[in-house]
Amino acid sequence: MRNSDLEGAKRIIDSLAPGVRTDRERGALLAVTGIYTSLLKSKEGTMQSWDQGRVLRAAQSISASQMADEIDLGYSETLASYSRLMQTSA
C-alpha cells in the first residue's frame, strides 16, 4: 500500500485473513483493511488524503485507553506503524 499498489495490497490482505488467530491479529487486519479502503477512496477522489500526524495521535489515544482490549491494541499498533512508515517516506 505504501507504493500505491492497491491491487497487490488487496491480494496480500486476502491471503493473510485465513491465518489470523488472535484478537490482536484481528485488530491489525481490521486496521489494514481500513487503511486499504481509505486509500482506495482517496485514489477515487471520494475521501480526504491520509493525515499521518492525526492518525498517529488517534492510535496513541486508543493504546492509552484503559478500556482498550487486544483487538483495539492490534488496530492502534497497526495504524501507528503505518503512519510512522508514511511519515518517514514523505
C-alpha atoms as a PDB file:
ATOM      1  CA  MET A   1       0.000   0.000   0.000  1.00  0.00           C
ATOM      2  CA  ARG A   2       2.918   2.283   0.688  1.00  0.00           C
ATOM      3  CA  ASN A   3       3.815   2.229  -3.007  1.00  0.00           C
ATOM      4  CA  SER A   4       0.217   2.700  -4.184  1.00  0.00           C
ATOM      5  CA  ASP A   5      -0.042  -0.882  -5.427  1.00  0.00           C
ATOM      6  CA  LEU A   6      -3.600  -1.309  -4.211  1.00  0.00           C
ATOM      7  CA  GLU A   7      -4.281  -4.429  -6.273  1.00  0.00           C
ATOM      8  CA  GLY A   8      -1.246  -6.161  -4.796  1.00  0.00           C
ATOM      9  CA  ALA A   9      -2.183  -4.969  -1.329  1.00  0.00           C
ATOM     10  CA  LYS A  10      -5.678  -6.417  -1.695  1.00  0.00           C
ATOM     11  CA  ARG A  11      -4.252  -9.800  -2.682  1.00  0.00           C
ATOM     12  CA  ILE A  12      -1.928  -9.767   0.335  1.00  0.00           C
ATOM     13  CA  ILE A  13      -4.752  -8.794   2.713  1.00  0.00           C
ATOM     14  CA  ASP A  14      -6.920 -11.583   1.319  1.00  0.00           C
ATOM     15  CA  SER A  15      -4.112 -14.111   1.733  1.00  0.00           C
ATOM     16  CA  LEU A  16      -3.412 -13.062   5.329  1.00  0.00           C
ATOM     17  CA  ALA A  17      -7.022 -13.234   6.518  1.00  0.00           C
ATOM     18  CA  PRO A  18      -7.252 -17.034   6.916  1.00  0.00           C
ATOM     19  CA  GLY A  19      -4.111 -17.065   9.098  1.00  0.00           C
ATOM     20  CA  VAL A  20      -5.455 -14.625  11.686  1.00  0.00           C
ATOM     21  CA  ARG A  21      -5.735 -16.413  15.023  1.00  0.00           C
ATOM     22  CA  THR A  22      -5.587 -13.916  17.890  1.00  0.00           C
ATOM     23  CA  ASP A  23      -7.655 -10.878  18.765  1.00  0.00           C
ATOM     24  CA  ARG A  24      -4.610  -8.648  18.329  1.00  0.00           C
ATOM     25  CA  GLU A  25      -4.143 -10.039  14.808  1.00  0.00           C
ATOM     26  CA  ARG A  26      -7.849  -9.457  14.109  1.00  0.00           C
ATOM     27  CA  GLY A  27      -7.441  -5.832  15.156  1.00  0.00           C
ATOM     28  CA  ALA A  28      -4.397  -5.462  12.928  1.00  0.00           C
ATOM     29  CA  LEU A  29      -6.274  -6.949   9.981  1.00  0.00           C
ATOM     30  CA  LEU A  30      -9.170  -4.564  10.598  1.00  0.00           C
ATOM     31  CA  ALA A  31      -6.746  -1.639  10.558  1.00  0.00           C
ATOM     32  CA  VAL A  32      -5.059  -2.794   7.359  1.00  0.00           C
ATOM     33  CA  THR A  33      -8.437  -3.260   5.701  1.00  0.00           C
ATOM     34  CA  GLY A  34      -9.428   0.249   6.811  1.00  0.00           C
ATOM     35  CA  ILE A  35      -6.187   1.719   5.501  1.00  0.00           C
ATOM     36  CA  TYR A  36      -6.734  -0.052   2.184  1.00  0.00           C
ATOM     37  CA  THR A  37     -10.305   1.240   1.943  1.00  0.00           C
ATOM     38  CA  SER A  38      -9.296   4.809   2.768  1.00  0.00           C
ATOM     39  CA  LEU A  39      -6.503   4.745   0.193  1.00  0.00           C
ATOM     40  CA  LEU A  40      -8.826   3.311  -2.420  1.00  0.00           C
ATOM     41  CA  LYS A  41     -11.408   6.008  -1.768  1.00  0.00           C
ATOM     42  CA  SER A  42      -8.708   8.675  -1.732  1.00  0.00           C
ATOM     43  CA  LYS A  43      -7.463   7.465  -5.104  1.00  0.00           C
ATOM     44  CA  GLU A  44     -11.007   7.684  -6.457  1.00  0.00           C
ATOM     45  CA  GLY A  45     -11.324  11.217  -5.081  1.00  0.00           C
ATOM     46  CA  THR A  46     -14.103  10.380  -2.603  1.00  0.00           C
ATOM     47  CA  MET A  47     -12.078  10.809   0.585  1.00  0.00           C
ATOM     48  CA  GLN A  48      -9.506  13.193   2.036  1.00  0.00           C
ATOM     49  CA  SER A  49      -5.869  12.233   1.864  1.00  0.00           C
ATOM     50  CA  TRP A  50      -4.129  10.396   4.694  1.00  0.00           C
ATOM     51  CA  ASP A  51      -3.037  12.696   7.552  1.00  0.00           C
ATOM     52  CA  GLN A  52      -0.232  10.768   9.250  1.00  0.00           C
ATOM     53  CA  GLY A  53       0.049  13.001  12.307  1.00  0.00           C
ATOM     54  CA  ARG A  54      -3.647  12.894  13.034  1.00  0.00           C
ATOM     55  CA  VAL A  55      -3.861   9.123  12.641  1.00  0.00           C
ATOM     56  CA  LEU A  56      -0.812   8.638  14.851  1.00  0.00           C
ATOM     57  CA  ARG A  57      -2.399  10.748  17.612  1.00  0.00           C
ATOM     58  CA  ALA A  58      -5.632   8.760  17.356  1.00  0.00           C
ATOM     59  CA  ALA A  59      -3.745   5.447  17.514  1.00  0.00           C
ATOM     60  CA  GLN A  60      -1.814   6.586  20.578  1.00  0.00           C
ATOM     61  CA  SER A  61      -5.059   7.649  22.219  1.00  0.00           C
ATOM     62  CA  ILE A  62      -6.568   4.212  21.630  1.00  0.00           C
ATOM     63  CA  SER A  63      -3.473   2.481  23.038  1.00  0.00           C
ATOM     64  CA  ALA A  64      -3.533   4.681  26.145  1.00  0.00           C
ATOM     65  CA  SER A  65      -7.181   3.927  26.892  1.00  0.00           C
ATOM     66  CA  GLN A  66      -7.782   1.708  29.903  1.00  0.00           C
ATOM     67  CA  MET A  67     -10.763   0.234  28.053  1.00  0.00           C
ATOM     68  CA  ALA A  68      -8.652  -0.983  25.121  1.00  0.00           C
ATOM     69  CA  ASP A  69      -8.753  -4.729  24.515  1.00  0.00           C
ATOM     70  CA  GLU A  70      -6.475  -6.870  22.346  1.00  0.00           C
ATOM     71  CA  ILE A  71      -8.401  -6.021  19.165  1.00  0.00           C
ATOM     72  CA  ASP A  72      -8.076  -2.297  19.918  1.00  0.00           C
ATOM     73  CA  LEU A  73      -4.363  -2.670  20.607  1.00  0.00           C
ATOM     74  CA  GLY A  74      -3.737  -4.564  17.366  1.00  0.00           C
ATOM     75  CA  TYR A  75      -5.719  -1.942  15.480  1.00  0.00           C
ATOM     76  CA  SER A  76      -3.936   1.037  17.041  1.00  0.00           C
ATOM     77  CA  GLU A  77      -0.461  -0.511  16.729  1.00  0.00           C
ATOM     78  CA  THR A  78      -1.018  -1.140  13.033  1.00  0.00           C
ATOM     79  CA  LEU A  79      -2.297   2.389  12.433  1.00  0.00           C
ATOM     80  CA  ALA A  80       0.658   3.855  14.320  1.00  0.00           C
ATOM     81  CA  SER A  81       3.156   1.695  12.426  1.00  0.00           C
ATOM     82  CA  TYR A  82       1.687   2.621   9.045  1.00  0.00           C
ATOM     83  CA  SER A  83       1.563   6.297   9.985  1.00  0.00           C
ATOM     84  CA  ARG A  84       5.216   6.303  11.032  1.00  0.00           C
ATOM     85  CA  LEU A  85       6.157   4.453   7.847  1.00  0.00           C
ATOM     86  CA  MET A  86       4.383   7.071   5.760  1.00  0.00           C
ATOM     87  CA  GLN A  87       5.986   9.945   7.688  1.00  0.00           C
ATOM     88  CA  THR A  88       9.476   8.595   7.075  1.00  0.00           C
ATOM     89  CA  SER A  89       8.819   8.098   3.360  1.00  0.00           C
ATOM     90  CA  ALA A  90       7.481  11.617   2.852  1.00  0.00           C
END
